[in-house]
Amino acid sequence: MKKIIQKISRALQVVLMAPIKLPVKALNIIKYISLGLGVVETVLDDKDKKGEVESPLADQLLIDKEKEVQDERQ
C-alpha cells in the first residue's frame, strides 16, 4: 500500500510540475489530493520509524529489568 501511495503521489507531482494548462478547479483538486497523500505517507513513515526506535529501547529496558531481578536474588 505504501508503494502505491508513493507512486500516485509522484504522478501527481509530475502533473503539477508539467508545463501544461489545466482548469483551475482541476489543479486545486490535484493539489488537495497530493497534500492528503503526503500526510498519509508521513503517518505511515512515522509508524515504521516508531516501531524501529521503540524495539531496541524496549529490549534494553528488558535487559536492565532482568539484571535488577538477578541482583535481588543474590
PDB file of N, CA and C in Angstrom:
ATOM      1  N   MET A   1       0.830  -1.188   0.000  1.00  0.00           N
ATOM      2  CA  MET A   1       0.000   0.000   0.000  1.00  0.00           C
ATOM      3  C   MET A   1       0.874   1.251   0.000  1.00  0.00           C
ATOM      4  N   LYS A   2       1.978   1.150   0.739  1.00  0.00           N
ATOM      5  CA  LYS A   2       2.888   2.284   0.828  1.00  0.00           C
ATOM      6  C   LYS A   2       3.474   2.629  -0.540  1.00  0.00           C
ATOM      7  N   LYS A   3       3.827   1.602  -1.310  1.00  0.00           N
ATOM      8  CA  LYS A   3       4.390   1.821  -2.640  1.00  0.00           C
ATOM      9  C   LYS A   3       3.362   2.442  -3.573  1.00  0.00           C
ATOM     10  N   ILE A   4       2.125   2.003  -3.469  1.00  0.00           N
ATOM     11  CA  ILE A   4       1.062   2.546  -4.319  1.00  0.00           C
ATOM     12  C   ILE A   4       0.861   4.025  -4.027  1.00  0.00           C
ATOM     13  N   ILE A   5       0.827   4.382  -2.768  1.00  0.00           N
ATOM     14  CA  ILE A   5       0.640   5.784  -2.376  1.00  0.00           C
ATOM     15  C   ILE A   5       1.802   6.629  -2.874  1.00  0.00           C
ATOM     16  N   GLN A   6       3.021   6.104  -2.773  1.00  0.00           N
ATOM     17  CA  GLN A   6       4.182   6.855  -3.251  1.00  0.00           C
ATOM     18  C   GLN A   6       4.126   7.066  -4.759  1.00  0.00           C
ATOM     19  N   LYS A   7       3.705   6.041  -5.512  1.00  0.00           N
ATOM     20  CA  LYS A   7       3.636   6.167  -6.961  1.00  0.00           C
ATOM     21  C   LYS A   7       2.561   7.168  -7.376  1.00  0.00           C
ATOM     22  N   ILE A   8       1.417   7.130  -6.724  1.00  0.00           N
ATOM     23  CA  ILE A   8       0.359   8.083  -7.039  1.00  0.00           C
ATOM     24  C   ILE A   8       0.817   9.497  -6.702  1.00  0.00           C
ATOM     25  N   SER A   9       1.478   9.639  -5.569  1.00  0.00           N
ATOM     26  CA  SER A   9       1.980  10.954  -5.155  1.00  0.00           C
ATOM     27  C   SER A   9       2.984  11.502  -6.173  1.00  0.00           C
ATOM     28  N   ARG A  10       3.878  10.653  -6.636  1.00  0.00           N
ATOM     29  CA  ARG A  10       4.866  11.085  -7.635  1.00  0.00           C
ATOM     30  C   ARG A  10       4.184  11.479  -8.944  1.00  0.00           C
ATOM     31  N   ALA A  11       3.173  10.718  -9.344  1.00  0.00           N
ATOM     32  CA  ALA A  11       2.456  11.035 -10.583  1.00  0.00           C
ATOM     33  C   ALA A  11       1.754  12.391 -10.473  1.00  0.00           C
ATOM     34  N   LEU A  12       1.162  12.654  -9.325  1.00  0.00           N
ATOM     35  CA  LEU A  12       0.504  13.947  -9.124  1.00  0.00           C
ATOM     36  C   LEU A  12       1.514  15.083  -9.117  1.00  0.00           C
ATOM     37  N   GLN A  13       2.689  14.849  -8.560  1.00  0.00           N
ATOM     38  CA  GLN A  13       3.728  15.882  -8.573  1.00  0.00           C
ATOM     39  C   GLN A  13       4.184  16.181  -9.997  1.00  0.00           C
ATOM     40  N   VAL A  14       4.277  15.145 -10.818  1.00  0.00           N
ATOM     41  CA  VAL A  14       4.655  15.352 -12.218  1.00  0.00           C
ATOM     42  C   VAL A  14       3.607  16.185 -12.934  1.00  0.00           C
ATOM     43  N   VAL A  15       2.332  15.882 -12.684  1.00  0.00           N
ATOM     44  CA  VAL A  15       1.250  16.644 -13.323  1.00  0.00           C
ATOM     45  C   VAL A  15       1.290  18.094 -12.876  1.00  0.00           C
ATOM     46  N   LEU A  16       1.547  18.326 -11.597  1.00  0.00           N
ATOM     47  CA  LEU A  16       1.590  19.702 -11.096  1.00  0.00           C
ATOM     48  C   LEU A  16       2.784  20.480 -11.643  1.00  0.00           C
ATOM     49  N   MET A  17       3.902  19.806 -11.853  1.00  0.00           N
ATOM     50  CA  MET A  17       5.112  20.480 -12.327  1.00  0.00           C
ATOM     51  C   MET A  17       5.170  20.599 -13.855  1.00  0.00           C
ATOM     52  N   ALA A  18       4.343  19.849 -14.543  1.00  0.00           N
ATOM     53  CA  ALA A  18       4.377  19.859 -16.007  1.00  0.00           C
ATOM     54  C   ALA A  18       3.893  21.212 -16.546  1.00  0.00           C
ATOM     55  N   PRO A  19       4.497  21.662 -17.634  1.00  0.00           N
ATOM     56  CA  PRO A  19       4.096  22.960 -18.206  1.00  0.00           C
ATOM     57  C   PRO A  19       2.855  22.844 -19.089  1.00  0.00           C
ATOM     58  N   ILE A  20       1.775  22.313 -18.511  1.00  0.00           N
ATOM     59  CA  ILE A  20       0.520  22.215 -19.242  1.00  0.00           C
ATOM     60  C   ILE A  20      -0.524  23.066 -18.539  1.00  0.00           C
ATOM     61  N   LYS A  21      -1.490  23.491 -19.313  1.00  0.00           N
ATOM     62  CA  LYS A  21      -2.552  24.307 -18.727  1.00  0.00           C
ATOM     63  C   LYS A  21      -3.749  23.425 -18.431  1.00  0.00           C
ATOM     64  N   LEU A  22      -4.133  23.431 -17.192  1.00  0.00           N
ATOM     65  CA  LEU A  22      -5.318  22.713 -16.740  1.00  0.00           C
ATOM     66  C   LEU A  22      -6.284  23.717 -16.135  1.00  0.00           C
ATOM     67  N   PRO A  23      -7.549  23.376 -16.097  1.00  0.00           N
ATOM     68  CA  PRO A  23      -8.502  24.267 -15.419  1.00  0.00           C
ATOM     69  C   PRO A  23      -8.121  24.454 -13.950  1.00  0.00           C
ATOM     70  N   VAL A  24      -8.449  25.600 -13.427  1.00  0.00           N
ATOM     71  CA  VAL A  24      -8.084  25.936 -12.049  1.00  0.00           C
ATOM     72  C   VAL A  24      -8.679  24.942 -11.062  1.00  0.00           C
ATOM     73  N   LYS A  25      -9.919  24.535 -11.307  1.00  0.00           N
ATOM     74  CA  LYS A  25     -10.552  23.575 -10.393  1.00  0.00           C
ATOM     75  C   LYS A  25      -9.806  22.246 -10.383  1.00  0.00           C
ATOM     76  N   ALA A  26      -9.369  21.807 -11.551  1.00  0.00           N
ATOM     77  CA  ALA A  26      -8.626  20.543 -11.622  1.00  0.00           C
ATOM     78  C   ALA A  26      -7.301  20.662 -10.875  1.00  0.00           C
ATOM     79  N   LEU A  27      -6.614  21.788 -11.020  1.00  0.00           N
ATOM     80  CA  LEU A  27      -5.350  21.995 -10.300  1.00  0.00           C
ATOM     81  C   LEU A  27      -5.571  21.998  -8.791  1.00  0.00           C
ATOM     82  N   ASN A  28      -6.637  22.654  -8.357  1.00  0.00           N
ATOM     83  CA  ASN A  28      -6.924  22.683  -6.916  1.00  0.00           C
ATOM     84  C   ASN A  28      -7.216  21.288  -6.389  1.00  0.00           C
ATOM     85  N   ILE A  29      -7.956  20.498  -7.151  1.00  0.00           N
ATOM     86  CA  ILE A  29      -8.263  19.131  -6.724  1.00  0.00           C
ATOM     87  C   ILE A  29      -6.983  18.309  -6.636  1.00  0.00           C
ATOM     88  N   ILE A  30      -6.124  18.433  -7.636  1.00  0.00           N
ATOM     89  CA  ILE A  30      -4.865  17.691  -7.641  1.00  0.00           C
ATOM     90  C   ILE A  30      -3.985  18.113  -6.465  1.00  0.00           C
ATOM     91  N   LYS A  31      -3.972  19.409  -6.162  1.00  0.00           N
ATOM     92  CA  LYS A  31      -3.175  19.893  -5.025  1.00  0.00           C
ATOM     93  C   LYS A  31      -3.666  19.294  -3.709  1.00  0.00           C
ATOM     94  N   TYR A  32      -4.989  19.266  -3.520  1.00  0.00           N
ATOM     95  CA  TYR A  32      -5.525  18.723  -2.275  1.00  0.00           C
ATOM     96  C   TYR A  32      -5.285  17.221  -2.165  1.00  0.00           C
ATOM     97  N   ILE A  33      -5.404  16.522  -3.271  1.00  0.00           N
ATOM     98  CA  ILE A  33      -5.151  15.080  -3.243  1.00  0.00           C
ATOM     99  C   ILE A  33      -3.685  14.808  -2.919  1.00  0.00           C
ATOM    100  N   SER A  34      -2.781  15.557  -3.550  1.00  0.00           N
ATOM    101  CA  SER A  34      -1.361  15.339  -3.278  1.00  0.00           C
ATOM    102  C   SER A  34      -1.006  15.722  -1.841  1.00  0.00           C
ATOM    103  N   LEU A  35      -1.652  16.748  -1.317  1.00  0.00           N
ATOM    104  CA  LEU A  35      -1.433  17.125   0.083  1.00  0.00           C
ATOM    105  C   LEU A  35      -1.890  16.003   1.011  1.00  0.00           C
ATOM    106  N   GLY A  36      -3.065  15.455   0.746  1.00  0.00           N
ATOM    107  CA  GLY A  36      -3.580  14.357   1.560  1.00  0.00           C
ATOM    108  C   GLY A  36      -2.692  13.127   1.501  1.00  0.00           C
ATOM    109  N   LEU A  37      -2.197  12.811   0.300  1.00  0.00           N
ATOM    110  CA  LEU A  37      -1.303  11.666   0.168  1.00  0.00           C
ATOM    111  C   LEU A  37       0.011  11.905   0.898  1.00  0.00           C
ATOM    112  N   GLY A  38       0.478  13.145   0.896  1.00  0.00           N
ATOM    113  CA  GLY A  38       1.693  13.467   1.642  1.00  0.00           C
ATOM    114  C   GLY A  38       1.510  13.234   3.129  1.00  0.00           C
ATOM    115  N   VAL A  39       0.341  13.602   3.636  1.00  0.00           N
ATOM    116  CA  VAL A  39       0.048  13.381   5.056  1.00  0.00           C
ATOM    117  C   VAL A  39      -0.006  11.883   5.355  1.00  0.00           C
ATOM    118  N   VAL A  40      -0.662  11.130   4.480  1.00  0.00           N
ATOM    119  CA  VAL A  40      -0.757   9.677   4.681  1.00  0.00           C
ATOM    120  C   VAL A  40       0.629   9.039   4.647  1.00  0.00           C
ATOM    121  N   GLU A  41       1.476   9.474   3.711  1.00  0.00           N
ATOM    122  CA  GLU A  41       2.849   8.951   3.644  1.00  0.00           C
ATOM    123  C   GLU A  41       3.604   9.232   4.933  1.00  0.00           C
ATOM    124  N   THR A  42       3.459  10.439   5.451  1.00  0.00           N
ATOM    125  CA  THR A  42       4.153  10.820   6.674  1.00  0.00           C
ATOM    126  C   THR A  42       3.691   9.966   7.849  1.00  0.00           C
ATOM    127  N   VAL A  43       2.398   9.738   7.941  1.00  0.00           N
ATOM    128  CA  VAL A  43       1.868   8.922   9.036  1.00  0.00           C
ATOM    129  C   VAL A  43       2.385   7.497   8.922  1.00  0.00           C
ATOM    130  N   LEU A  44       2.405   6.937   7.704  1.00  0.00           N
ATOM    131  CA  LEU A  44       2.917   5.581   7.531  1.00  0.00           C
ATOM    132  C   LEU A  44       4.394   5.506   7.864  1.00  0.00           C
ATOM    133  N   ASP A  45       5.169   6.523   7.468  1.00  0.00           N
ATOM    134  CA  ASP A  45       6.594   6.543   7.779  1.00  0.00           C
ATOM    135  C   ASP A  45       6.829   6.671   9.273  1.00  0.00           C
ATOM    136  N   ASP A  46       6.015   7.480   9.961  1.00  0.00           N
ATOM    137  CA  ASP A  46       6.172   7.639  11.408  1.00  0.00           C
ATOM    138  C   ASP A  46       5.909   6.330  12.133  1.00  0.00           C
ATOM    139  N   LYS A  47       4.920   5.574  11.681  1.00  0.00           N
ATOM    140  CA  LYS A  47       4.635   4.296  12.321  1.00  0.00           C
ATOM    141  C   LYS A  47       5.810   3.339  12.155  1.00  0.00           C
ATOM    142  N   ASP A  48       6.392   3.320  10.964  1.00  0.00           N
ATOM    143  CA  ASP A  48       7.536   2.444  10.721  1.00  0.00           C
ATOM    144  C   ASP A  48       8.725   2.854  11.577  1.00  0.00           C
ATOM    145  N   LYS A  49       9.016   4.139  11.624  1.00  0.00           N
ATOM    146  CA  LYS A  49      10.158   4.620  12.400  1.00  0.00           C
ATOM    147  C   LYS A  49       9.930   4.421  13.892  1.00  0.00           C
ATOM    148  N   LYS A  50       8.702   4.641  14.340  1.00  0.00           N
ATOM    149  CA  LYS A  50       8.405   4.489  15.755  1.00  0.00           C
ATOM    150  C   LYS A  50       8.595   3.040  16.187  1.00  0.00           C
ATOM    151  N   GLY A  51       8.172   2.093  15.369  1.00  0.00           N
ATOM    152  CA  GLY A  51       8.341   0.680  15.687  1.00  0.00           C
ATOM    153  C   GLY A  51       9.801   0.289  15.749  1.00  0.00           C
ATOM    154  N   GLU A  52      10.622   0.844  14.872  1.00  0.00           N
ATOM    155  CA  GLU A  52      12.043   0.517  14.863  1.00  0.00           C
ATOM    156  C   GLU A  52      12.759   1.123  16.059  1.00  0.00           C
ATOM    157  N   VAL A  53      12.371   2.316  16.449  1.00  0.00           N
ATOM    158  CA  VAL A  53      13.052   3.003  17.537  1.00  0.00           C
ATOM    159  C   VAL A  53      12.672   2.398  18.880  1.00  0.00           C
ATOM    160  N   GLU A  54      11.424   2.031  19.046  1.00  0.00           N
ATOM    161  CA  GLU A  54      10.978   1.512  20.328  1.00  0.00           C
ATOM    162  C   GLU A  54      11.532   0.124  20.609  1.00  0.00           C
ATOM    163  N   SER A  55      11.764  -0.662  19.606  1.00  0.00           N
ATOM    164  CA  SER A  55      12.201  -2.028  19.809  1.00  0.00           C
ATOM    165  C   SER A  55      13.544  -2.119  20.546  1.00  0.00           C
ATOM    166  N   PRO A  56      14.599  -1.421  20.103  1.00  0.00           N
ATOM    167  CA  PRO A  56      15.862  -1.506  20.847  1.00  0.00           C
ATOM    168  C   PRO A  56      15.734  -0.949  22.260  1.00  0.00           C
ATOM    169  N   LEU A  57      14.948   0.097  22.428  1.00  0.00           N
ATOM    170  CA  LEU A  57      14.751   0.675  23.743  1.00  0.00           C
ATOM    171  C   LEU A  57      14.032  -0.319  24.648  1.00  0.00           C
ATOM    172  N   ALA A  58      13.016  -0.957  24.125  1.00  0.00           N
ATOM    173  CA  ALA A  58      12.282  -1.948  24.916  1.00  0.00           C
ATOM    174  C   ALA A  58      13.188  -3.115  25.267  1.00  0.00           C
ATOM    175  N   ASP A  59      14.034  -3.532  24.328  1.00  0.00           N
ATOM    176  CA  ASP A  59      14.973  -4.620  24.616  1.00  0.00           C
ATOM    177  C   ASP A  59      15.939  -4.223  25.722  1.00  0.00           C
ATOM    178  N   GLN A  60      16.436  -3.003  25.689  1.00  0.00           N
ATOM    179  CA  GLN A  60      17.378  -2.548  26.708  1.00  0.00           C
ATOM    180  C   GLN A  60      16.696  -2.471  28.075  1.00  0.00           C
ATOM    181  N   LEU A  61      15.455  -2.005  28.110  1.00  0.00           N
ATOM    182  CA  LEU A  61      14.720  -1.952  29.377  1.00  0.00           C
ATOM    183  C   LEU A  61      14.501  -3.349  29.937  1.00  0.00           C
ATOM    184  N   LEU A  62      14.219  -4.308  29.051  1.00  0.00           N
ATOM    185  CA  LEU A  62      14.028  -5.685  29.485  1.00  0.00           C
ATOM    186  C   LEU A  62      15.323  -6.251  30.060  1.00  0.00           C
ATOM    187  N   ILE A  63      16.443  -5.971  29.429  1.00  0.00           N
ATOM    188  CA  ILE A  63      17.746  -6.429  29.919  1.00  0.00           C
ATOM    189  C   ILE A  63      18.046  -5.813  31.284  1.00  0.00           C
ATOM    190  N   ASP A  64      17.780  -4.514  31.433  1.00  0.00           N
ATOM    191  CA  ASP A  64      18.011  -3.844  32.714  1.00  0.00           C
ATOM    192  C   ASP A  64      17.143  -4.451  33.809  1.00  0.00           C
ATOM    193  N   LYS A  65      15.889  -4.754  33.487  1.00  0.00           N
ATOM    194  CA  LYS A  65      14.971  -5.332  34.470  1.00  0.00           C
ATOM    195  C   LYS A  65      15.454  -6.717  34.890  1.00  0.00           C
ATOM    196  N   GLU A  66      15.948  -7.503  33.941  1.00  0.00           N
ATOM    197  CA  GLU A  66      16.466  -8.832  34.261  1.00  0.00           C
ATOM    198  C   GLU A  66      17.676  -8.741  35.179  1.00  0.00           C
ATOM    199  N   LYS A  67      18.533  -7.757  34.951  1.00  0.00           N
ATOM    200  CA  LYS A  67      19.704  -7.565  35.818  1.00  0.00           C
ATOM    201  C   LYS A  67      19.267  -7.203  37.237  1.00  0.00           C
ATOM    202  N   GLU A  68      18.248  -6.361  37.346  1.00  0.00           N
ATOM    203  CA  GLU A  68      17.750  -5.982  38.667  1.00  0.00           C
ATOM    204  C   GLU A  68      17.226  -7.203  39.401  1.00  0.00           C
ATOM    205  N   VAL A  69      16.497  -8.048  38.710  1.00  0.00           N
ATOM    206  CA  VAL A  69      15.927  -9.252  39.325  1.00  0.00           C
ATOM    207  C   VAL A  69      17.061 -10.184  39.764  1.00  0.00           C
ATOM    208  N   GLN A  70      18.080 -10.335  38.961  1.00  0.00           N
ATOM    209  CA  GLN A  70      19.211 -11.194  39.327  1.00  0.00           C
ATOM    210  C   GLN A  70      19.962 -10.626  40.528  1.00  0.00           C
ATOM    211  N   ASP A  71      20.109  -9.299  40.577  1.00  0.00           N
ATOM    212  CA  ASP A  71      20.781  -8.678  41.716  1.00  0.00           C
ATOM    213  C   ASP A  71      19.989  -8.891  43.001  1.00  0.00           C
ATOM    214  N   GLU A  72      18.664  -8.855  42.918  1.00  0.00           N
ATOM    215  CA  GLU A  72      17.828  -9.045  44.095  1.00  0.00           C
ATOM    216  C   GLU A  72      17.910 -10.488  44.594  1.00  0.00           C
ATOM    217  N   ARG A  73      18.079 -11.427  43.695  1.00  0.00           N
ATOM    218  CA  ARG A  73      18.162 -12.836  44.070  1.00  0.00           C
ATOM    219  C   ARG A  73      19.469 -13.116  44.813  1.00  0.00           C
ATOM    220  N   GLN A  74      20.517 -12.383  44.520  1.00  0.00           N
ATOM    221  CA  GLN A  74      21.816 -12.643  45.146  1.00  0.00           C
ATOM    222  C   GLN A  74      21.849 -11.964  46.438  1.00  0.00           C
TER     223      GLN A  74
END
